[in-house]
């Protein structure tokens, strides 16, 4: 459970922004979305390899 202390006279928008930032850092929504369906371990590994290849390709393009 996230607790965001709101200081006296603090703008509610600012407190809401802090809550959203803290919520994003916990990764709760990402975890919920990934649990909606089962993904085989081989498919997960393949996706990781493809992502790594894509990132490496971008880094190689940056060096050129």
PDB file of N, CA and C in Angstrom:
ATOM      1  N   UNK A   1       0.834  -1.169   0.000  1.00  0.00           N
ATOM      2  CA  UNK A   1       0.000   0.000   0.000  1.00  0.00           C
ATOM      3  C   UNK A   1       0.881   1.236   0.000  1.00  0.00           C
ATOM      4  N   UNK A   2       0.598   2.146  -0.911  1.00  0.00           N
ATOM      5  CA  UNK A   2       1.384   3.364  -1.018  1.00  0.00           C
ATOM      6  C   UNK A   2       0.831   4.442  -0.096  1.00  0.00           C
ATOM      7  N   UNK A   3       1.720   5.076   0.609  1.00  0.00           N
ATOM      8  CA  UNK A   3       1.326   6.179   1.479  1.00  0.00           C
ATOM      9  C   UNK A   3       2.073   7.420   1.024  1.00  0.00           C
ATOM     10  N   UNK A   4       1.319   8.433   0.694  1.00  0.00           N
ATOM     11  CA  UNK A   4       1.896   9.712   0.264  1.00  0.00           C
ATOM     12  C   UNK A   4       1.483  10.773   1.280  1.00  0.00           C
ATOM     13  N   UNK A   5       2.401  11.211   2.113  1.00  0.00           N
ATOM     14  CA  UNK A   5       2.037  12.268   3.068  1.00  0.00           C
ATOM     15  C   UNK A   5       1.852  13.597   2.348  1.00  0.00           C
ATOM     16  N   UNK A   6       0.727  14.241   2.612  1.00  0.00           N
ATOM     17  CA  UNK A   6       0.429  15.534   2.004  1.00  0.00           C
ATOM     18  C   UNK A   6       0.710  16.613   3.045  1.00  0.00           C
ATOM     19  N   UNK A   7       1.590  17.524   2.707  1.00  0.00           N
ATOM     20  CA  UNK A   7       1.964  18.587   3.630  1.00  0.00           C
ATOM     21  C   UNK A   7       0.890  19.667   3.671  1.00  0.00           C
ATOM     22  N   UNK A   8       0.880  20.427   4.735  1.00  0.00           N
ATOM     23  CA  UNK A   8      -0.084  21.514   4.870  1.00  0.00           C
ATOM     24  C   UNK A   8       0.129  22.542   3.768  1.00  0.00           C
ATOM     25  N   UNK A   9      -0.936  22.895   3.108  1.00  0.00           N
ATOM     26  CA  UNK A   9      -0.869  23.896   2.046  1.00  0.00           C
ATOM     27  C   UNK A   9      -0.311  23.377   0.733  1.00  0.00           C
ATOM     28  N   UNK A  10      -0.050  22.064   0.628  1.00  0.00           N
ATOM     29  CA  UNK A  10       0.487  21.512  -0.613  1.00  0.00           C
ATOM     30  C   UNK A  10      -0.632  21.353  -1.632  1.00  0.00           C
ATOM     31  N   UNK A  11      -0.325  21.658  -2.848  1.00  0.00           N
ATOM     32  CA  UNK A  11      -1.280  21.529  -3.934  1.00  0.00           C
ATOM     33  C   UNK A  11      -1.622  20.052  -4.138  1.00  0.00           C
ATOM     34  N   UNK A  12      -2.895  19.740  -4.321  1.00  0.00           N
ATOM     35  CA  UNK A  12      -3.331  18.348  -4.489  1.00  0.00           C
ATOM     36  C   UNK A  12      -2.796  17.756  -5.790  1.00  0.00           C
ATOM     37  N   UNK A  13      -2.624  18.598  -6.797  1.00  0.00           N
ATOM     38  CA  UNK A  13      -2.070  18.109  -8.068  1.00  0.00           C
ATOM     39  C   UNK A  13      -0.639  17.632  -7.890  1.00  0.00           C
ATOM     40  N   UNK A  14       0.109  18.357  -7.085  1.00  0.00           N
ATOM     41  CA  UNK A  14       1.506  17.975  -6.837  1.00  0.00           C
ATOM     42  C   UNK A  14       1.575  16.643  -6.080  1.00  0.00           C
ATOM     43  N   UNK A  15       0.691  16.477  -5.093  1.00  0.00           N
ATOM     44  CA  UNK A  15       0.652  15.219  -4.336  1.00  0.00           C
ATOM     45  C   UNK A  15       0.220  14.063  -5.245  1.00  0.00           C
ATOM     46  N   UNK A  16      -0.737  14.310  -6.122  1.00  0.00           N
ATOM     47  CA  UNK A  16      -1.188  13.280  -7.057  1.00  0.00           C
ATOM     48  C   UNK A  16      -0.061  12.892  -8.010  1.00  0.00           C
ATOM     49  N   UNK A  17       0.708  13.873  -8.445  1.00  0.00           N
ATOM     50  CA  UNK A  17       1.839  13.595  -9.331  1.00  0.00           C
ATOM     51  C   UNK A  17       2.876  12.734  -8.623  1.00  0.00           C
ATOM     52  N   UNK A  18       3.132  13.024  -7.328  1.00  0.00           N
ATOM     53  CA  UNK A  18       4.071  12.206  -6.545  1.00  0.00           C
ATOM     54  C   UNK A  18       3.547  10.781  -6.407  1.00  0.00           C
ATOM     55  N   UNK A  19       2.232  10.643  -6.179  1.00  0.00           N
ATOM     56  CA  UNK A  19       1.633   9.315  -6.062  1.00  0.00           C
ATOM     57  C   UNK A  19       1.806   8.532  -7.358  1.00  0.00           C
ATOM     58  N   UNK A  20       1.513   9.171  -8.472  1.00  0.00           N
ATOM     59  CA  UNK A  20       1.628   8.487  -9.764  1.00  0.00           C
ATOM     60  C   UNK A  20       3.064   8.049 -10.023  1.00  0.00           C
ATOM     61  N   UNK A  21       4.026   8.905  -9.699  1.00  0.00           N
ATOM     62  CA  UNK A  21       5.431   8.579  -9.915  1.00  0.00           C
ATOM     63  C   UNK A  21       5.841   7.388  -9.049  1.00  0.00           C
ATOM     64  N   UNK A  22       5.415   7.403  -7.784  1.00  0.00           N
ATOM     65  CA  UNK A  22       5.740   6.308  -6.874  1.00  0.00           C
ATOM     66  C   UNK A  22       5.065   5.019  -7.328  1.00  0.00           C
ATOM     67  N   UNK A  23       3.824   5.126  -7.801  1.00  0.00           N
ATOM     68  CA  UNK A  23       3.077   3.968  -8.285  1.00  0.00           C
ATOM     69  C   UNK A  23       3.764   3.353  -9.504  1.00  0.00           C
ATOM     70  N   UNK A  24       4.248   4.196 -10.412  1.00  0.00           N
ATOM     71  CA  UNK A  24       4.940   3.698 -11.602  1.00  0.00           C
ATOM     72  C   UNK A  24       6.232   2.980 -11.228  1.00  0.00           C
ATOM     73  N   UNK A  25       6.932   3.486 -10.218  1.00  0.00           N
ATOM     74  CA  UNK A  25       8.191   2.869  -9.812  1.00  0.00           C
ATOM     75  C   UNK A  25       7.992   1.484  -9.221  1.00  0.00           C
ATOM     76  N   UNK A  26       6.844   1.244  -8.597  1.00  0.00           N
ATOM     77  CA  UNK A  26       6.607  -0.071  -8.008  1.00  0.00           C
ATOM     78  C   UNK A  26       6.373  -1.134  -9.071  1.00  0.00           C
ATOM     79  N   UNK A  27       5.907  -0.743 -10.249  1.00  0.00           N
ATOM     80  CA  UNK A  27       5.688  -1.696 -11.337  1.00  0.00           C
ATOM     81  C   UNK A  27       4.439  -2.537 -11.149  1.00  0.00           C
ATOM     82  N   UNK A  28       3.486  -2.058 -10.395  1.00  0.00           N
ATOM     83  CA  UNK A  28       2.275  -2.814 -10.110  1.00  0.00           C
ATOM     84  C   UNK A  28       1.465  -3.082 -11.371  1.00  0.00           C
ATOM     85  N   UNK A  29       1.241  -2.056 -12.173  1.00  0.00           N
ATOM     86  CA  UNK A  29       0.435  -2.232 -13.385  1.00  0.00           C
ATOM     87  C   UNK A  29       1.124  -3.174 -14.373  1.00  0.00           C
ATOM     88  N   UNK A  30       2.437  -3.051 -14.496  1.00  0.00           N
ATOM     89  CA  UNK A  30       3.177  -3.929 -15.391  1.00  0.00           C
ATOM     90  C   UNK A  30       3.015  -5.383 -14.957  1.00  0.00           C
ATOM     91  N   UNK A  31       3.076  -5.605 -13.650  1.00  0.00           N
ATOM     92  CA  UNK A  31       2.940  -6.951 -13.116  1.00  0.00           C
ATOM     93  C   UNK A  31       1.525  -7.489 -13.338  1.00  0.00           C
ATOM     94  N   UNK A  32       0.523  -6.649 -13.123  1.00  0.00           N
ATOM     95  CA  UNK A  32      -0.856  -7.090 -13.342  1.00  0.00           C
ATOM     96  C   UNK A  32      -1.102  -7.447 -14.794  1.00  0.00           C
ATOM     97  N   UNK A  33      -0.590  -6.653 -15.688  1.00  0.00           N
ATOM     98  CA  UNK A  33      -0.786  -6.934 -17.122  1.00  0.00           C
ATOM     99  C   UNK A  33      -0.093  -8.222 -17.526  1.00  0.00           C
ATOM    100  N   UNK A  34       1.085  -8.475 -16.972  1.00  0.00           N
ATOM    101  CA  UNK A  34       1.805  -9.690 -17.345  1.00  0.00           C
ATOM    102  C   UNK A  34       1.140 -10.938 -16.772  1.00  0.00           C
ATOM    103  N   UNK A  35       0.401 -10.794 -15.684  1.00  0.00           N
ATOM    104  CA  UNK A  35      -0.270 -11.942 -15.076  1.00  0.00           C
ATOM    105  C   UNK A  35      -1.627 -12.242 -15.697  1.00  0.00           C
ATOM    106  N   UNK A  36      -2.087 -11.432 -16.615  1.00  0.00           N
ATOM    107  CA  UNK A  36      -3.391 -11.674 -17.224  1.00  0.00           C
ATOM    108  C   UNK A  36      -3.388 -12.914 -18.105  1.00  0.00           C
ATOM    109  N   UNK A  37      -2.228 -13.272 -18.622  1.00  0.00           N
ATOM    110  CA  UNK A  37      -2.145 -14.464 -19.456  1.00  0.00           C
ATOM    111  C   UNK A  37      -0.808 -15.149 -19.212  1.00  0.00           C
ATOM    112  N   UNK A  38      -0.795 -16.444 -19.407  1.00  0.00           N
ATOM    113  CA  UNK A  38       0.421 -17.223 -19.201  1.00  0.00           C
ATOM    114  C   UNK A  38       1.282 -17.166 -20.456  1.00  0.00           C
ATOM    115  N   UNK A  39       2.567 -16.951 -20.250  1.00  0.00           N
ATOM    116  CA  UNK A  39       3.520 -16.942 -21.355  1.00  0.00           C
ATOM    117  C   UNK A  39       4.540 -18.047 -21.097  1.00  0.00           C
ATOM    118  N   UNK A  40       4.712 -18.891 -22.082  1.00  0.00           N
ATOM    119  CA  UNK A  40       5.656 -19.991 -21.931  1.00  0.00           C
ATOM    120  C   UNK A  40       7.063 -19.444 -21.722  1.00  0.00           C
ATOM    121  N   UNK A  41       7.892 -20.140 -20.926  1.00  0.00           N
ATOM    122  CA  UNK A  41       9.255 -19.674 -20.675  1.00  0.00           C
ATOM    123  C   UNK A  41      10.075 -19.523 -21.949  1.00  0.00           C
ATOM    124  N   UNK A  42       9.860 -20.394 -22.922  1.00  0.00           N
ATOM    125  CA  UNK A  42      10.621 -20.296 -24.170  1.00  0.00           C
ATOM    126  C   UNK A  42      10.257 -19.022 -24.930  1.00  0.00           C
ATOM    127  N   UNK A  43       8.999 -18.629 -24.869  1.00  0.00           N
ATOM    128  CA  UNK A  43       8.547 -17.413 -25.540  1.00  0.00           C
ATOM    129  C   UNK A  43       9.119 -16.186 -24.832  1.00  0.00           C
ATOM    130  N   UNK A  44       9.163 -16.231 -23.508  1.00  0.00           N
ATOM    131  CA  UNK A  44       9.751 -15.119 -22.751  1.00  0.00           C
ATOM    132  C   UNK A  44      11.227 -14.945 -23.093  1.00  0.00           C
ATOM    133  N   UNK A  45      11.955 -16.066 -23.145  1.00  0.00           N
ATOM    134  CA  UNK A  45      13.383 -16.003 -23.485  1.00  0.00           C
ATOM    135  C   UNK A  45      13.579 -15.449 -24.890  1.00  0.00           C
ATOM    136  N   UNK A  46      12.758 -15.906 -25.829  1.00  0.00           N
ATOM    137  CA  UNK A  46      12.860 -15.432 -27.201  1.00  0.00           C
ATOM    138  C   UNK A  46      12.620 -13.922 -27.272  1.00  0.00           C
ATOM    139  N   UNK A  47      11.634 -13.440 -26.518  1.00  0.00           N
ATOM    140  CA  UNK A  47      11.341 -11.999 -26.493  1.00  0.00           C
ATOM    141  C   UNK A  47      12.511 -11.220 -25.899  1.00  0.00           C
ATOM    142  N   UNK A  48      13.142 -11.768 -24.861  1.00  0.00           N
ATOM    143  CA  UNK A  48      14.301 -11.100 -24.266  1.00  0.00           C
ATOM    144  C   UNK A  48      15.454 -11.019 -25.253  1.00  0.00           C
ATOM    145  N   UNK A  49      15.681 -12.097 -25.989  1.00  0.00           N
ATOM    146  CA  UNK A  49      16.766 -12.115 -26.970  1.00  0.00           C
ATOM    147  C   UNK A  49      16.483 -11.109 -28.077  1.00  0.00           C
ATOM    148  N   UNK A  50      15.239 -11.059 -28.547  1.00  0.00           N
ATOM    149  CA  UNK A  50      14.887 -10.106 -29.599  1.00  0.00           C
ATOM    150  C   UNK A  50      15.043  -8.668 -29.124  1.00  0.00           C
ATOM    151  N   UNK A  51      14.659  -8.407 -27.900  1.00  0.00           N
ATOM    152  CA  UNK A  51      14.809  -7.062 -27.345  1.00  0.00           C
ATOM    153  C   UNK A  51      16.288  -6.694 -27.239  1.00  0.00           C
ATOM    154  N   UNK A  52      17.109  -7.642 -26.785  1.00  0.00           N
ATOM    155  CA  UNK A  52      18.540  -7.387 -26.661  1.00  0.00           C
ATOM    156  C   UNK A  52      19.158  -7.121 -28.032  1.00  0.00           C
ATOM    157  N   UNK A  53      18.734  -7.875 -29.046  1.00  0.00           N
ATOM    158  CA  UNK A  53      19.253  -7.666 -30.395  1.00  0.00           C
ATOM    159  C   UNK A  53      18.854  -6.285 -30.916  1.00  0.00           C
ATOM    160  N   UNK A  54      17.621  -5.886 -30.640  1.00  0.00           N
ATOM    161  CA  UNK A  54      17.136  -4.580 -31.086  1.00  0.00           C
ATOM    162  C   UNK A  54      17.927  -3.454 -30.420  1.00  0.00           C
ATOM    163  N   UNK A  55      18.135  -3.568 -29.118  1.00  0.00           N
ATOM    164  CA  UNK A  55      18.889  -2.536 -28.392  1.00  0.00           C
ATOM    165  C   UNK A  55      20.326  -2.488 -28.887  1.00  0.00           C
ATOM    166  N   UNK A  56      20.922  -3.661 -29.120  1.00  0.00           N
ATOM    167  CA  UNK A  56      22.298  -3.692 -29.629  1.00  0.00           C
ATOM    168  C   UNK A  56      22.373  -3.061 -31.006  1.00  0.00           C
ATOM    169  N   UNK A  57      21.364  -3.300 -31.832  1.00  0.00           N
ATOM    170  CA  UNK A  57      21.325  -2.693 -33.163  1.00  0.00           C
ATOM    171  C   UNK A  57      21.266  -1.170 -33.056  1.00  0.00           C
ATOM    172  N   UNK A  58      20.440  -0.664 -32.129  1.00  0.00           N
ATOM    173  CA  UNK A  58      20.352   0.785 -31.934  1.00  0.00           C
ATOM    174  C   UNK A  58      21.681   1.366 -31.461  1.00  0.00           C
ATOM    175  N   UNK A  59      22.352   0.662 -30.571  1.00  0.00           N
ATOM    176  CA  UNK A  59      23.654   1.139 -30.067  1.00  0.00           C
ATOM    177  C   UNK A  59      24.707   1.117 -31.176  1.00  0.00           C
ATOM    178  N   UNK A  60      24.633   0.094 -32.024  1.00  0.00           N
ATOM    179  CA  UNK A  60      25.575   0.031 -33.142  1.00  0.00           C
ATOM    180  C   UNK A  60      25.333   1.174 -34.117  1.00  0.00           C
ATOM    181  N   UNK A  61      24.076   1.500 -34.356  1.00  0.00           N
ATOM    182  CA  UNK A  61      23.741   2.621 -35.243  1.00  0.00           C
ATOM    183  C   UNK A  61      24.227   3.947 -34.652  1.00  0.00           C
ATOM    184  N   UNK A  62      24.178   4.047 -33.328  1.00  0.00           N
ATOM    185  CA  UNK A  62      24.609   5.258 -32.652  1.00  0.00           C
ATOM    186  C   UNK A  62      26.120   5.457 -32.802  1.00  0.00           C
ATOM    187  N   UNK A  63      26.866   4.369 -32.814  1.00  0.00           N
ATOM    188  CA  UNK A  63      28.320   4.451 -32.914  1.00  0.00           C
ATOM    189  C   UNK A  63      28.786   4.846 -34.303  1.00  0.00           C
ATOM    190  N   UNK A  64      27.987   4.568 -35.299  1.00  0.00           N
ATOM    191  CA  UNK A  64      28.390   4.846 -36.691  1.00  0.00           C
ATOM    192  C   UNK A  64      28.400   6.315 -36.975  1.00  0.00           C
TER     193      UNK A  64
END
